[in-house]
Amino acid sequence: MIALPSGVKVWLAAGATDMRKGFDGLAALVQMQLAEDPFSGQLFVFRGRAGDRVKILWWSGDGLCLFAKRLERGRFVWPQATHGSVCLSGAQLSMLLEGIDWRRPVRTAETMLSV
């Protein structure tokens, strides 16, 4: 995973997106459907209809970057809403990209408090 700039916002576009879209098509979706500026430095994450592919659009300061990932098994966990967006932290994005349910992460061990 590429390190995220500190303080960057990550937005998930609710619903399914046509994964044939590239830089310009996704930037237009950011402007028209999310009412955000695709050149703001924020990350915009889109998921395909089958749920096994995501694309991330990010303005790096000197150009648009488009990242894509396809899961070989499983699906990316996505909000149930069909429109709008959801803001995630960088940690939640990392979990999402690994196929982990970022909405309900579960600790693998109980935390122990010492007195």
PDB file of N, CA and C in Angstrom:
ATOM      1  N   MET A   1       0.846  -1.180   0.000  1.00  0.00           N
ATOM      2  CA  MET A   1       0.000   0.000   0.000  1.00  0.00           C
ATOM      3  C   MET A   1       0.881   1.229   0.000  1.00  0.00           C
ATOM      4  N   ILE A   2       0.537   2.194  -0.801  1.00  0.00           N
ATOM      5  CA  ILE A   2       1.244   3.460  -0.850  1.00  0.00           C
ATOM      6  C   ILE A   2       0.850   4.270   0.380  1.00  0.00           C
ATOM      7  N   ALA A   3       1.837   4.892   1.024  1.00  0.00           N
ATOM      8  CA  ALA A   3       1.561   5.668   2.236  1.00  0.00           C
ATOM      9  C   ALA A   3       0.685   6.876   1.909  1.00  0.00           C
ATOM     10  N   LEU A   4      -0.322   7.078   2.742  1.00  0.00           N
ATOM     11  CA  LEU A   4      -1.232   8.207   2.557  1.00  0.00           C
ATOM     12  C   LEU A   4      -0.646   9.462   3.182  1.00  0.00           C
ATOM     13  N   PRO A   5      -0.847  10.618   2.558  1.00  0.00           N
ATOM     14  CA  PRO A   5      -0.424  11.863   3.193  1.00  0.00           C
ATOM     15  C   PRO A   5      -1.191  12.052   4.504  1.00  0.00           C
ATOM     16  N   SER A   6      -0.558  12.652   5.494  1.00  0.00           N
ATOM     17  CA  SER A   6      -1.231  12.835   6.778  1.00  0.00           C
ATOM     18  C   SER A   6      -2.427  13.770   6.617  1.00  0.00           C
ATOM     19  N   GLY A   7      -3.511  13.418   7.288  1.00  0.00           N
ATOM     20  CA  GLY A   7      -4.706  14.245   7.272  1.00  0.00           C
ATOM     21  C   GLY A   7      -5.563  14.125   6.027  1.00  0.00           C
ATOM     22  N   VAL A   8      -5.220  13.220   5.123  1.00  0.00           N
ATOM     23  CA  VAL A   8      -6.007  13.082   3.895  1.00  0.00           C
ATOM     24  C   VAL A   8      -7.346  12.424   4.212  1.00  0.00           C
ATOM     25  N   LYS A   9      -8.391  12.877   3.533  1.00  0.00           N
ATOM     26  CA  LYS A   9      -9.712  12.267   3.699  1.00  0.00           C
ATOM     27  C   LYS A   9      -9.901  11.201   2.628  1.00  0.00           C
ATOM     28  N   VAL A  10     -10.578  10.131   3.018  1.00  0.00           N
ATOM     29  CA  VAL A  10     -10.861   9.021   2.105  1.00  0.00           C
ATOM     30  C   VAL A  10     -12.372   8.919   1.983  1.00  0.00           C
ATOM     31  N   TRP A  11     -12.883   9.011   0.765  1.00  0.00           N
ATOM     32  CA  TRP A  11     -14.324   8.967   0.523  1.00  0.00           C
ATOM     33  C   TRP A  11     -14.676   7.737  -0.294  1.00  0.00           C
ATOM     34  N   LEU A  12     -15.628   6.940   0.202  1.00  0.00           N
ATOM     35  CA  LEU A  12     -16.177   5.819  -0.559  1.00  0.00           C
ATOM     36  C   LEU A  12     -17.415   6.312  -1.287  1.00  0.00           C
ATOM     37  N   ALA A  13     -17.479   6.097  -2.574  1.00  0.00           N
ATOM     38  CA  ALA A  13     -18.672   6.427  -3.349  1.00  0.00           C
ATOM     39  C   ALA A  13     -19.653   5.267  -3.194  1.00  0.00           C
ATOM     40  N   ALA A  14     -20.778   5.521  -2.547  1.00  0.00           N
ATOM     41  CA  ALA A  14     -21.773   4.463  -2.313  1.00  0.00           C
ATOM     42  C   ALA A  14     -22.344   3.969  -3.639  1.00  0.00           C
ATOM     43  N   GLY A  15     -22.806   2.735  -3.632  1.00  0.00           N
ATOM     44  CA  GLY A  15     -23.372   2.143  -4.840  1.00  0.00           C
ATOM     45  C   GLY A  15     -22.284   1.547  -5.721  1.00  0.00           C
ATOM     46  N   ALA A  16     -22.696   1.047  -6.860  1.00  0.00           N
ATOM     47  CA  ALA A  16     -21.763   0.427  -7.811  1.00  0.00           C
ATOM     48  C   ALA A  16     -21.353   1.435  -8.877  1.00  0.00           C
ATOM     49  N   THR A  17     -20.118   1.314  -9.332  1.00  0.00           N
ATOM     50  CA  THR A  17     -19.566   2.190 -10.365  1.00  0.00           C
ATOM     51  C   THR A  17     -19.142   1.341 -11.555  1.00  0.00           C
ATOM     52  N   ASP A  18     -19.317   1.874 -12.741  1.00  0.00           N
ATOM     53  CA  ASP A  18     -18.863   1.218 -13.962  1.00  0.00           C
ATOM     54  C   ASP A  18     -17.329   1.219 -13.952  1.00  0.00           C
ATOM     55  N   MET A  19     -16.720   0.044 -13.814  1.00  0.00           N
ATOM     56  CA  MET A  19     -15.266  -0.051 -13.705  1.00  0.00           C
ATOM     57  C   MET A  19     -14.539   0.186 -15.024  1.00  0.00           C
ATOM     58  N   ARG A  20     -15.280   0.439 -16.090  1.00  0.00           N
ATOM     59  CA  ARG A  20     -14.638   0.809 -17.353  1.00  0.00           C
ATOM     60  C   ARG A  20     -14.203   2.269 -17.340  1.00  0.00           C
ATOM     61  N   LYS A  21     -14.698   3.042 -16.381  1.00  0.00           N
ATOM     62  CA  LYS A  21     -14.357   4.461 -16.297  1.00  0.00           C
ATOM     63  C   LYS A  21     -12.888   4.631 -15.915  1.00  0.00           C
ATOM     64  N   GLY A  22     -12.288   5.644 -16.502  1.00  0.00           N
ATOM     65  CA  GLY A  22     -10.897   5.971 -16.207  1.00  0.00           C
ATOM     66  C   GLY A  22     -10.804   7.292 -15.458  1.00  0.00           C
ATOM     67  N   PHE A  23      -9.686   7.980 -15.625  1.00  0.00           N
ATOM     68  CA  PHE A  23      -9.432   9.240 -14.932  1.00  0.00           C
ATOM     69  C   PHE A  23     -10.581  10.240 -15.092  1.00  0.00           C
ATOM     70  N   ASP A  24     -10.911  10.547 -16.331  1.00  0.00           N
ATOM     71  CA  ASP A  24     -11.904  11.588 -16.593  1.00  0.00           C
ATOM     72  C   ASP A  24     -13.304  11.201 -16.138  1.00  0.00           C
ATOM     73  N   GLY A  25     -13.705   9.957 -16.389  1.00  0.00           N
ATOM     74  CA  GLY A  25     -15.036   9.504 -15.990  1.00  0.00           C
ATOM     75  C   GLY A  25     -15.209   9.490 -14.479  1.00  0.00           C
ATOM     76  N   LEU A  26     -14.178   9.044 -13.746  1.00  0.00           N
ATOM     77  CA  LEU A  26     -14.260   9.024 -12.286  1.00  0.00           C
ATOM     78  C   LEU A  26     -14.193  10.438 -11.712  1.00  0.00           C
ATOM     79  N   ALA A  27     -13.371  11.297 -12.313  1.00  0.00           N
ATOM     80  CA  ALA A  27     -13.310  12.698 -11.858  1.00  0.00           C
ATOM     81  C   ALA A  27     -14.668  13.372 -12.045  1.00  0.00           C
ATOM     82  N   ALA A  28     -15.353  13.054 -13.131  1.00  0.00           N
ATOM     83  CA  ALA A  28     -16.692  13.616 -13.361  1.00  0.00           C
ATOM     84  C   ALA A  28     -17.671  13.103 -12.310  1.00  0.00           C
ATOM     85  N   LEU A  29     -17.567  11.822 -11.930  1.00  0.00           N
ATOM     86  CA  LEU A  29     -18.430  11.284 -10.872  1.00  0.00           C
ATOM     87  C   LEU A  29     -18.184  11.992  -9.540  1.00  0.00           C
ATOM     88  N   VAL A  30     -16.922  12.269  -9.247  1.00  0.00           N
ATOM     89  CA  VAL A  30     -16.590  12.982  -8.003  1.00  0.00           C
ATOM     90  C   VAL A  30     -17.272  14.342  -7.997  1.00  0.00           C
ATOM     91  N   GLN A  31     -17.212  15.046  -9.121  1.00  0.00           N
ATOM     92  CA  GLN A  31     -17.818  16.380  -9.203  1.00  0.00           C
ATOM     93  C   GLN A  31     -19.337  16.334  -9.197  1.00  0.00           C
ATOM     94  N   MET A  32     -19.915  15.476 -10.000  1.00  0.00           N
ATOM     95  CA  MET A  32     -21.366  15.483 -10.195  1.00  0.00           C
ATOM     96  C   MET A  32     -22.127  14.748  -9.085  1.00  0.00           C
ATOM     97  N   GLN A  33     -21.692  13.566  -8.697  1.00  0.00           N
ATOM     98  CA  GLN A  33     -22.449  12.766  -7.737  1.00  0.00           C
ATOM     99  C   GLN A  33     -22.032  13.007  -6.287  1.00  0.00           C
ATOM    100  N   LEU A  34     -20.742  13.274  -6.065  1.00  0.00           N
ATOM    101  CA  LEU A  34     -20.275  13.476  -4.695  1.00  0.00           C
ATOM    102  C   LEU A  34     -20.158  14.951  -4.335  1.00  0.00           C
ATOM    103  N   ALA A  35     -20.274  15.825  -5.331  1.00  0.00           N
ATOM    104  CA  ALA A  35     -20.152  17.277  -5.132  1.00  0.00           C
ATOM    105  C   ALA A  35     -18.835  17.636  -4.443  1.00  0.00           C
ATOM    106  N   GLU A  36     -17.757  16.992  -4.859  1.00  0.00           N
ATOM    107  CA  GLU A  36     -16.422  17.260  -4.327  1.00  0.00           C
ATOM    108  C   GLU A  36     -15.498  17.643  -5.464  1.00  0.00           C
ATOM    109  N   ASP A  37     -14.328  18.170  -5.109  1.00  0.00           N
ATOM    110  CA  ASP A  37     -13.321  18.562  -6.086  1.00  0.00           C
ATOM    111  C   ASP A  37     -12.324  17.414  -6.258  1.00  0.00           C
ATOM    112  N   PRO A  38     -12.242  16.803  -7.438  1.00  0.00           N
ATOM    113  CA  PRO A  38     -11.317  15.683  -7.622  1.00  0.00           C
ATOM    114  C   PRO A  38      -9.855  16.103  -7.521  1.00  0.00           C
ATOM    115  N   PHE A  39      -9.571  17.401  -7.558  1.00  0.00           N
ATOM    116  CA  PHE A  39      -8.205  17.912  -7.482  1.00  0.00           C
ATOM    117  C   PHE A  39      -7.876  18.446  -6.089  1.00  0.00           C
ATOM    118  N   SER A  40      -8.612  17.995  -5.079  1.00  0.00           N
ATOM    119  CA  SER A  40      -8.445  18.485  -3.707  1.00  0.00           C
ATOM    120  C   SER A  40      -7.365  17.743  -2.929  1.00  0.00           C
ATOM    121  N   GLY A  41      -6.889  16.610  -3.432  1.00  0.00           N
ATOM    122  CA  GLY A  41      -5.917  15.809  -2.705  1.00  0.00           C
ATOM    123  C   GLY A  41      -6.559  14.730  -1.853  1.00  0.00           C
ATOM    124  N   GLN A  42      -7.886  14.682  -1.833  1.00  0.00           N
ATOM    125  CA  GLN A  42      -8.596  13.631  -1.112  1.00  0.00           C
ATOM    126  C   GLN A  42      -8.620  12.368  -1.978  1.00  0.00           C
ATOM    127  N   LEU A  43      -8.836  11.217  -1.343  1.00  0.00           N
ATOM    128  CA  LEU A  43      -8.947   9.956  -2.080  1.00  0.00           C
ATOM    129  C   LEU A  43     -10.414   9.621  -2.277  1.00  0.00           C
ATOM    130  N   PHE A  44     -10.749   9.170  -3.475  1.00  0.00           N
ATOM    131  CA  PHE A  44     -12.113   8.785  -3.814  1.00  0.00           C
ATOM    132  C   PHE A  44     -12.081   7.333  -4.271  1.00  0.00           C
ATOM    133  N   VAL A  45     -12.834   6.493  -3.557  1.00  0.00           N
ATOM    134  CA  VAL A  45     -12.800   5.045  -3.789  1.00  0.00           C
ATOM    135  C   VAL A  45     -14.122   4.603  -4.404  1.00  0.00           C
ATOM    136  N   PHE A  46     -14.039   3.805  -5.462  1.00  0.00           N
ATOM    137  CA  PHE A  46     -15.209   3.325  -6.193  1.00  0.00           C
ATOM    138  C   PHE A  46     -15.147   1.802  -6.263  1.00  0.00           C
ATOM    139  N   ARG A  47     -16.325   1.151  -6.191  1.00  0.00           N
ATOM    140  CA  ARG A  47     -16.400  -0.307  -6.265  1.00  0.00           C
ATOM    141  C   ARG A  47     -17.261  -0.728  -7.439  1.00  0.00           C
ATOM    142  N   GLY A  48     -16.877  -1.810  -8.101  1.00  0.00           N
ATOM    143  CA  GLY A  48     -17.645  -2.350  -9.209  1.00  0.00           C
ATOM    144  C   GLY A  48     -18.870  -3.113  -8.741  1.00  0.00           C
ATOM    145  N   ARG A  49     -19.746  -3.438  -9.678  1.00  0.00           N
ATOM    146  CA  ARG A  49     -21.008  -4.113  -9.372  1.00  0.00           C
ATOM    147  C   ARG A  49     -20.793  -5.484  -8.716  1.00  0.00           C
ATOM    148  N   ALA A  50     -19.822  -6.247  -9.183  1.00  0.00           N
ATOM    149  CA  ALA A  50     -19.583  -7.586  -8.627  1.00  0.00           C
ATOM    150  C   ALA A  50     -18.962  -7.525  -7.233  1.00  0.00           C
ATOM    151  N   GLY A  51     -18.388  -6.383  -6.866  1.00  0.00           N
ATOM    152  CA  GLY A  51     -17.831  -6.218  -5.525  1.00  0.00           C
ATOM    153  C   GLY A  51     -16.407  -6.697  -5.360  1.00  0.00           C
ATOM    154  N   ASP A  52     -15.784  -7.188  -6.436  1.00  0.00           N
ATOM    155  CA  ASP A  52     -14.426  -7.701  -6.308  1.00  0.00           C
ATOM    156  C   ASP A  52     -13.362  -6.729  -6.826  1.00  0.00           C
ATOM    157  N   ARG A  53     -13.781  -5.543  -7.278  1.00  0.00           N
ATOM    158  CA  ARG A  53     -12.837  -4.558  -7.816  1.00  0.00           C
ATOM    159  C   ARG A  53     -13.087  -3.185  -7.227  1.00  0.00           C
ATOM    160  N   VAL A  54     -11.994  -2.481  -6.965  1.00  0.00           N
ATOM    161  CA  VAL A  54     -12.089  -1.083  -6.552  1.00  0.00           C
ATOM    162  C   VAL A  54     -11.104  -0.262  -7.367  1.00  0.00           C
ATOM    163  N   LYS A  55     -11.431   1.010  -7.507  1.00  0.00           N
ATOM    164  CA  LYS A  55     -10.522   1.990  -8.091  1.00  0.00           C
ATOM    165  C   LYS A  55     -10.464   3.179  -7.150  1.00  0.00           C
ATOM    166  N   ILE A  56      -9.260   3.742  -7.013  1.00  0.00           N
ATOM    167  CA  ILE A  56      -9.045   4.898  -6.151  1.00  0.00           C
ATOM    168  C   ILE A  56      -8.489   6.027  -7.009  1.00  0.00           C
ATOM    169  N   LEU A  57      -9.129   7.179  -6.937  1.00  0.00           N
ATOM    170  CA  LEU A  57      -8.694   8.365  -7.669  1.00  0.00           C
ATOM    171  C   LEU A  57      -8.096   9.344  -6.673  1.00  0.00           C
ATOM    172  N   TRP A  58      -6.901   9.872  -6.979  1.00  0.00           N
ATOM    173  CA  TRP A  58      -6.207  10.778  -6.060  1.00  0.00           C
ATOM    174  C   TRP A  58      -5.397  11.791  -6.851  1.00  0.00           C
ATOM    175  N   TRP A  59      -5.505  13.047  -6.478  1.00  0.00           N
ATOM    176  CA  TRP A  59      -4.697  14.121  -7.064  1.00  0.00           C
ATOM    177  C   TRP A  59      -3.446  14.243  -6.208  1.00  0.00           C
ATOM    178  N   SER A  60      -2.281  14.005  -6.784  1.00  0.00           N
ATOM    179  CA  SER A  60      -1.022  14.010  -6.038  1.00  0.00           C
ATOM    180  C   SER A  60      -0.372  15.376  -5.971  1.00  0.00           C
ATOM    181  N   GLY A  61      -0.959  16.370  -6.625  1.00  0.00           N
ATOM    182  CA  GLY A  61      -0.384  17.707  -6.637  1.00  0.00           C
ATOM    183  C   GLY A  61       0.105  18.093  -8.024  1.00  0.00           C
ATOM    184  N   ASP A  62       0.510  17.097  -8.801  1.00  0.00           N
ATOM    185  CA  ASP A  62       0.953  17.389 -10.159  1.00  0.00           C
ATOM    186  C   ASP A  62       0.283  16.509 -11.202  1.00  0.00           C
ATOM    187  N   GLY A  63      -0.653  15.677 -10.760  1.00  0.00           N
ATOM    188  CA  GLY A  63      -1.397  14.837 -11.697  1.00  0.00           C
ATOM    189  C   GLY A  63      -2.339  13.906 -10.967  1.00  0.00           C
ATOM    190  N   LEU A  64      -3.322  13.387 -11.706  1.00  0.00           N
ATOM    191  CA  LEU A  64      -4.257  12.411 -11.130  1.00  0.00           C
ATOM    192  C   LEU A  64      -3.616  11.033 -11.129  1.00  0.00           C
ATOM    193  N   CYS A  65      -3.817  10.306 -10.045  1.00  0.00           N
ATOM    194  CA  CYS A  65      -3.362   8.923  -9.930  1.00  0.00           C
ATOM    195  C   CYS A  65      -4.594   8.034  -9.866  1.00  0.00           C
ATOM    196  N   LEU A  66      -4.534   6.903 -10.519  1.00  0.00           N
ATOM    197  CA  LEU A  66      -5.632   5.949 -10.502  1.00  0.00           C
ATOM    198  C   LEU A  66      -5.076   4.590 -10.100  1.00  0.00           C
ATOM    199  N   PHE A  67      -5.537   4.114  -8.936  1.00  0.00           N
ATOM    200  CA  PHE A  67      -5.110   2.823  -8.418  1.00  0.00           C
ATOM    201  C   PHE A  67      -6.269   1.851  -8.553  1.00  0.00           C
ATOM    202  N   ALA A  68      -5.951   0.599  -8.839  1.00  0.00           N
ATOM    203  CA  ALA A  68      -6.997  -0.412  -8.989  1.00  0.00           C
ATOM    204  C   ALA A  68      -6.574  -1.676  -8.248  1.00  0.00           C
ATOM    205  N   LYS A  69      -7.572  -2.386  -7.708  1.00  0.00           N
ATOM    206  CA  LYS A  69      -7.313  -3.677  -7.068  1.00  0.00           C
ATOM    207  C   LYS A  69      -8.474  -4.606  -7.342  1.00  0.00           C
ATOM    208  N   ARG A  70      -8.149  -5.873  -7.614  1.00  0.00           N
ATOM    209  CA  ARG A  70      -9.146  -6.923  -7.797  1.00  0.00           C
ATOM    210  C   ARG A  70      -8.838  -8.036  -6.815  1.00  0.00           C
ATOM    211  N   LEU A  71      -9.847  -8.415  -6.029  1.00  0.00           N
ATOM    212  CA  LEU A  71      -9.687  -9.542  -5.108  1.00  0.00           C
ATOM    213  C   LEU A  71      -9.889 -10.844  -5.878  1.00  0.00           C
ATOM    214  N   GLU A  72      -9.033 -11.808  -5.642  1.00  0.00           N
ATOM    215  CA  GLU A  72      -9.175 -13.114  -6.284  1.00  0.00           C
ATOM    216  C   GLU A  72     -10.272 -13.933  -5.610  1.00  0.00           C
ATOM    217  N   ARG A  73     -10.457 -13.719  -4.296  1.00  0.00           N
ATOM    218  CA  ARG A  73     -11.532 -14.376  -3.551  1.00  0.00           C
ATOM    219  C   ARG A  73     -12.168 -13.345  -2.645  1.00  0.00           C
ATOM    220  N   GLY A  74     -13.467 -13.423  -2.490  1.00  0.00           N
ATOM    221  CA  GLY A  74     -14.174 -12.517  -1.590  1.00  0.00           C
ATOM    222  C   GLY A  74     -14.608 -11.233  -2.276  1.00  0.00           C
ATOM    223  N   ARG A  75     -15.138 -10.327  -1.467  1.00  0.00           N
ATOM    224  CA  ARG A  75     -15.655  -9.057  -1.961  1.00  0.00           C
ATOM    225  C   ARG A  75     -15.235  -7.940  -1.019  1.00  0.00           C
ATOM    226  N   PHE A  76     -15.152  -6.745  -1.568  1.00  0.00           N
ATOM    227  CA  PHE A  76     -14.869  -5.576  -0.752  1.00  0.00           C
ATOM    228  C   PHE A  76     -16.136  -5.199   0.014  1.00  0.00           C
ATOM    229  N   VAL A  77     -15.997  -4.916   1.314  1.00  0.00           N
ATOM    230  CA  VAL A  77     -17.132  -4.528   2.148  1.00  0.00           C
ATOM    231  C   VAL A  77     -17.494  -3.092   1.810  1.00  0.00           C
ATOM    232  N   TRP A  78     -18.781  -2.867   1.529  1.00  0.00           N
ATOM    233  CA  TRP A  78     -19.241  -1.563   1.039  1.00  0.00           C
ATOM    234  C   TRP A  78     -20.495  -1.134   1.781  1.00  0.00           C
ATOM    235  N   PRO A  79     -20.733   0.157   1.916  1.00  0.00           N
ATOM    236  CA  PRO A  79     -21.974   0.628   2.564  1.00  0.00           C
ATOM    237  C   PRO A  79     -23.208   0.173   1.786  1.00  0.00           C
ATOM    238  N   GLN A  80     -24.325   0.006   2.483  1.00  0.00           N
ATOM    239  CA  GLN A  80     -25.565  -0.428   1.849  1.00  0.00           C
ATOM    240  C   GLN A  80     -26.232   0.676   1.034  1.00  0.00           C
ATOM    241  N   ALA A  81     -25.893   1.925   1.290  1.00  0.00           N
ATOM    242  CA  ALA A  81     -26.510   3.051   0.578  1.00  0.00           C
ATOM    243  C   ALA A  81     -26.238   2.947  -0.920  1.00  0.00           C
ATOM    244  N   THR A  82     -27.144   3.490  -1.717  1.00  0.00           N
ATOM    245  CA  THR A  82     -26.983   3.445  -3.173  1.00  0.00           C
ATOM    246  C   THR A  82     -26.467   4.751  -3.749  1.00  0.00           C
ATOM    247  N   HIS A  83     -26.438   5.814  -2.943  1.00  0.00           N
ATOM    248  CA  HIS A  83     -25.875   7.079  -3.411  1.00  0.00           C
ATOM    249  C   HIS A  83     -25.260   7.823  -2.233  1.00  0.00           C
ATOM    250  N   GLY A  84     -24.440   8.822  -2.523  1.00  0.00           N
ATOM    251  CA  GLY A  84     -23.746   9.558  -1.484  1.00  0.00           C
ATOM    252  C   GLY A  84     -22.352   9.003  -1.264  1.00  0.00           C
ATOM    253  N   SER A  85     -21.776   9.332  -0.111  1.00  0.00           N
ATOM    254  CA  SER A  85     -20.422   8.888   0.182  1.00  0.00           C
ATOM    255  C   SER A  85     -20.261   8.655   1.682  1.00  0.00           C
ATOM    256  N   VAL A  86     -19.204   7.935   2.019  1.00  0.00           N
ATOM    257  CA  VAL A  86     -18.859   7.633   3.407  1.00  0.00           C
ATOM    258  C   VAL A  86     -17.390   7.986   3.584  1.00  0.00           C
ATOM    259  N   CYS A  87     -17.067   8.677   4.676  1.00  0.00           N
ATOM    260  CA  CYS A  87     -15.681   9.056   4.958  1.00  0.00           C
ATOM    261  C   CYS A  87     -15.017   7.971   5.800  1.00  0.00           C
ATOM    262  N   LEU A  88     -13.806   7.554   5.391  1.00  0.00           N
ATOM    263  CA  LEU A  88     -13.038   6.540   6.112  1.00  0.00           C
ATOM    264  C   LEU A  88     -11.717   7.118   6.591  1.00  0.00           C
ATOM    265  N   SER A  89     -11.138   6.465   7.581  1.00  0.00           N
ATOM    266  CA  SER A  89      -9.778   6.799   8.000  1.00  0.00           C
ATOM    267  C   SER A  89      -8.803   6.003   7.120  1.00  0.00           C
ATOM    268  N   GLY A  90      -7.541   6.348   7.203  1.00  0.00           N
ATOM    269  CA  GLY A  90      -6.529   5.601   6.465  1.00  0.00           C
ATOM    270  C   GLY A  90      -6.467   4.147   6.895  1.00  0.00           C
ATOM    271  N   ALA A  91      -6.664   3.897   8.210  1.00  0.00           N
ATOM    272  CA  ALA A  91      -6.651   2.520   8.725  1.00  0.00           C
ATOM    273  C   ALA A  91      -7.832   1.726   8.172  1.00  0.00           C
ATOM    274  N   GLN A  92      -9.001   2.354   8.107  1.00  0.00           N
ATOM    275  CA  GLN A  92     -10.174   1.673   7.555  1.00  0.00           C
ATOM    276  C   GLN A  92      -9.968   1.363   6.076  1.00  0.00           C
ATOM    277  N   LEU A  93      -9.346   2.283   5.332  1.00  0.00           N
ATOM    278  CA  LEU A  93      -9.055   2.016   3.920  1.00  0.00           C
ATOM    279  C   LEU A  93      -8.118   0.821   3.784  1.00  0.00           C
ATOM    280  N   SER A  94      -7.106   0.753   4.635  1.00  0.00           N
ATOM    281  CA  SER A  94      -6.180  -0.391   4.590  1.00  0.00           C
ATOM    282  C   SER A  94      -6.913  -1.702   4.825  1.00  0.00           C
ATOM    283  N   MET A  95      -7.829  -1.717   5.806  1.00  0.00           N
ATOM    284  CA  MET A  95      -8.610  -2.931   6.066  1.00  0.00           C
ATOM    285  C   MET A  95      -9.475  -3.271   4.864  1.00  0.00           C
ATOM    286  N   LEU A  96     -10.152  -2.270   4.297  1.00  0.00           N
ATOM    287  CA  LEU A  96     -11.012  -2.496   3.140  1.00  0.00           C
ATOM    288  C   LEU A  96     -10.213  -3.138   2.004  1.00  0.00           C
ATOM    289  N   LEU A  97      -9.029  -2.602   1.721  1.00  0.00           N
ATOM    290  CA  LEU A  97      -8.220  -3.111   0.617  1.00  0.00           C
ATOM    291  C   LEU A  97      -7.700  -4.523   0.865  1.00  0.00           C
ATOM    292  N   GLU A  98      -7.663  -4.951   2.124  1.00  0.00           N
ATOM    293  CA  GLU A  98      -7.257  -6.314   2.455  1.00  0.00           C
ATOM    294  C   GLU A  98      -8.443  -7.266   2.499  1.00  0.00           C
ATOM    295  N   GLY A  99      -9.645  -6.756   2.254  1.00  0.00           N
ATOM    296  CA  GLY A  99     -10.835  -7.598   2.274  1.00  0.00           C
ATOM    297  C   GLY A  99     -11.403  -7.789   3.673  1.00  0.00           C
ATOM    298  N   ILE A 100     -10.980  -6.954   4.627  1.00  0.00           N
ATOM    299  CA  ILE A 100     -11.455  -7.041   6.015  1.00  0.00           C
ATOM    300  C   ILE A 100     -12.666  -6.130   6.171  1.00  0.00           C
ATOM    301  N   ASP A 101     -13.622  -6.550   6.983  1.00  0.00           N
ATOM    302  CA  ASP A 101     -14.800  -5.721   7.240  1.00  0.00           C
ATOM    303  C   ASP A 101     -14.388  -4.539   8.113  1.00  0.00           C
ATOM    304  N   TRP A 102     -14.187  -3.394   7.512  1.00  0.00           N
ATOM    305  CA  TRP A 102     -13.711  -2.196   8.208  1.00  0.00           C
ATOM    306  C   TRP A 102     -14.763  -1.608   9.142  1.00  0.00           C
ATOM    307  N   ARG A 103     -16.039  -2.039   8.992  1.00  0.00           N
ATOM    308  CA  ARG A 103     -17.107  -1.507   9.843  1.00  0.00           C
ATOM    309  C   ARG A 103     -17.081  -2.119  11.230  1.00  0.00           C
ATOM    310  N   ARG A 104     -16.638  -3.377  11.338  1.00  0.00           N
ATOM    311  CA  ARG A 104     -16.618  -4.089  12.615  1.00  0.00           C
ATOM    312  C   ARG A 104     -15.315  -4.854  12.792  1.00  0.00           C
ATOM    313  N   PRO A 105     -14.188  -4.167  12.899  1.00  0.00           N
ATOM    314  CA  PRO A 105     -12.939  -4.917  13.105  1.00  0.00           C
ATOM    315  C   PRO A 105     -12.951  -5.600  14.466  1.00  0.00           C
ATOM    316  N   VAL A 106     -12.453  -6.802  14.512  1.00  0.00           N
ATOM    317  CA  VAL A 106     -12.456  -7.594  15.728  1.00  0.00           C
ATOM    318  C   VAL A 106     -11.018  -7.831  16.162  1.00  0.00           C
ATOM    319  N   ARG A 107     -10.738  -7.580  17.425  1.00  0.00           N
ATOM    320  CA  ARG A 107      -9.399  -7.851  17.959  1.00  0.00           C
ATOM    321  C   ARG A 107      -9.187  -9.362  18.025  1.00  0.00           C
ATOM    322  N   THR A 108      -7.958  -9.763  17.812  1.00  0.00           N
ATOM    323  CA  THR A 108      -7.648 -11.193  17.860  1.00  0.00           C
ATOM    324  C   THR A 108      -7.396 -11.678  19.280  1.00  0.00           C
ATOM    325  N   ALA A 109      -7.151 -10.757  20.216  1.00  0.00           N
ATOM    326  CA  ALA A 109      -6.933 -11.126  21.616  1.00  0.00           C
ATOM    327  C   ALA A 109      -7.550 -10.065  22.515  1.00  0.00           C
ATOM    328  N   GLU A 110      -7.952 -10.493  23.684  1.00  0.00           N
ATOM    329  CA  GLU A 110      -8.492  -9.556  24.664  1.00  0.00           C
ATOM    330  C   GLU A 110      -7.381  -8.655  25.173  1.00  0.00           C
ATOM    331  N   THR A 111      -7.687  -7.388  25.371  1.00  0.00           N
ATOM    332  CA  THR A 111      -6.696  -6.494  25.950  1.00  0.00           C
ATOM    333  C   THR A 111      -6.679  -6.673  27.460  1.00  0.00           C
ATOM    334  N   MET A 112      -5.510  -6.694  28.023  1.00  0.00           N
ATOM    335  CA  MET A 112      -5.380  -6.885  29.470  1.00  0.00           C
ATOM    336  C   MET A 112      -4.929  -5.574  30.089  1.00  0.00           C
ATOM    337  N   LEU A 113      -5.605  -5.211  31.148  1.00  0.00           N
ATOM    338  CA  LEU A 113      -5.233  -4.015  31.882  1.00  0.00           C
ATOM    339  C   LEU A 113      -4.482  -4.433  33.143  1.00  0.00           C
ATOM    340  N   SER A 114      -3.325  -3.854  33.340  1.00  0.00           N
ATOM    341  CA  SER A 114      -2.590  -4.163  34.570  1.00  0.00           C
ATOM    342  C   SER A 114      -2.826  -3.051  35.577  1.00  0.00           C
ATOM    343  N   VAL A 115      -2.910  -3.433  36.828  1.00  0.00           N
ATOM    344  CA  VAL A 115      -3.177  -2.463  37.893  1.00  0.00           C
ATOM    345  C   VAL A 115      -1.953  -2.257  38.724  1.00  0.00           C
TER     346      VAL A 115
END
